Amino acid sequence: MAVTVEEALNLIYKNTTKGSAKILPIESVLGFVLAQNITATHNLPPFDNSAMDGYGVKITNANETIQVTGTIFAGDNASDSVQVNTAIKIMTGARIPEGCECVVPIEDTTTNSEGTITLPKNLTLAKHIRRAGEDIKIGQILLEDGQRLYAHHITLLASQGVSHVKVYKKPKIALFASGSELKMHFETVASHQLYNTNTPTFCSRVQELGCDVAFIGTAIDTLEDIQVHIQSALDSDLIITSGGVSVGDADYTREAFASFSCVPFFEKINIKPGKPTTFGKIGNTYVLNLPGNPLAAALNLELFGQSIILALSGDSSKYINTIKAKMKEDYKIRAGRKTLIPGAFDGEYFTPCEKFAPGMVSPLAISNSYIIVDETCGFLAKKSDVKVISTRFSFTSNESKSLVSGD
C-alpha cells in the first residue's frame, strides 16, 4: 500500500541515523556539520579597547584645552595613564589606558600648535570604548552540535584560537541507473537508445548538498547485473538508483535489492510524479530507489533524497523548509494525489513551468523551486499563498532592484 508524503518523510527521519565523526582543521571544515559544542574560552574583546582613532580623556575636561602626553597604538603593551588635564592619543583597537573615561574622535577635537588639543563641550562616559567581553564572554556557548559550518562560523572559531574541531563525515553516496536503453553522455547513442541524464543530475545535486559521491555505473536490465552494481555500492551510506522500480517485465531493481535482504520502510508513495519511489536499508546502508523518468526522479530526489541526506549529515536543521510566496497567475490542477509542481520563484511570486511531464528534462533547468499541491486542491488562484521549496538556494534577478527595506 502506498504511504502518504507525510508518512514517507516520518519513516525517513525515524529510520535514518546520523553518521560518524572526524577531526579536521578549521581551514577544512567549510560545509561540514559540527559534532561538538564550542564554548568560549576567551573574552572578545579580551580587554577594553578604543573603537576610534582619538584621544583618551577625563570627562571633567570637556570644552577645555589640555596637554597630549603620549600615543598608544594597537598592540602596544603601554602602562600610560590618563590624568586630569591630560590626554593620550589612542588608535583603534589599542588597549584603553588606566584612568581613561572616554575616547574623543580626532575629528571632534581642535589641534593646537603647542601639543595641546581643545575638547568638545559634551563628553559621555565610556563613549567609543569597547568593553572586554561585550561581544563574547568566557563560558558562552558559541556553536552547537548539529550546526552546519559557513564562513562566518569559522570567524567564531578563529576568534577563540580553535585550530581543530570534530565534524560529522559527509554522507557517502553511491549512484547507479538501470536500463538497457541508457548510454552515458560520453558514449554514442543509437536511434533506439537514450542518454542517462539521471546519474549526472544526481551526482551534481548531492555534491551541492554536501556529500561525497561515487558513480557505480549503468546497469543493464538483468537481475545479475543490477546485483553486481549493488554489491559494489554497499560500502556507502546511501545508494540512490533510478529506473526499474515499476512492475514491467524488465524491472528487476526491487528483486535485486530484495536478494540482499533489503528491509523496505516504504515501497510506494501517494504522490505525482514518483509513486514507485522506495526507501529501505541493507545492513548499515540506506537505499533510495527512484523512478527512471528524469523530472520525476529529480523532484523526488529533492524531497525524499534530500531528507535522507540531511538526516545522515547530523545537521540539526534537517527538515526541509518552505518560503511563503504568491501565485503569479491562476493555475488549474487535477486533484486526487499530492502533486509536485516545478516552477520559478522570483522572491515574491511563483510561476509554474508552462509545460512539464515526468519524462522531461528541460523544466529542471528552467525552474529554481517547486511546490507540493494537496490532493484536495484543483485550483490555485492568482496571488493566493503557496509554500515554495527551493532547489537552488540562490535568488537573483536579471534586473537591478532596490535591496533596502523601509525605503
Foldseek 3Di string as FASTA:
>chain_A
DAAALVLLLVLLLVPFAAFDKDKDFLVPQAQFFFAFWDFFAAWVVNAKWFQAFFKFADQVQAQHKAAADEEFEAPDPDADAYDHRYIYGYHGNTHRHHPGFDGDHPVQWADDDVRIIGHHRGDDGHYRIDGTRPVHDGGHTDDGGQAGDHDVSSVVCVVRVNTMGMTGAQFEEEEEEEEQQEDDPVDDHDPSHDHQPQVVLVCVLVVVLPHHYDYQYYFYLDLVRLLVSVVVGVVGQEYEYEALQDPDPSRCNVVSVVVLVWAWSGQAYQEPPWGRWTWTDRDNHIYTYTYRQRVRRNVCCLSNVQLSSLNHSSHPPSHFFWDKEWAQAKDFDQAATWYKFFFADQPHHTYTDPDDDSNDDVSVVHGQWIFIDHRVDGMGHGRDITTIGGSHPDHDDPDDDDPDPPD
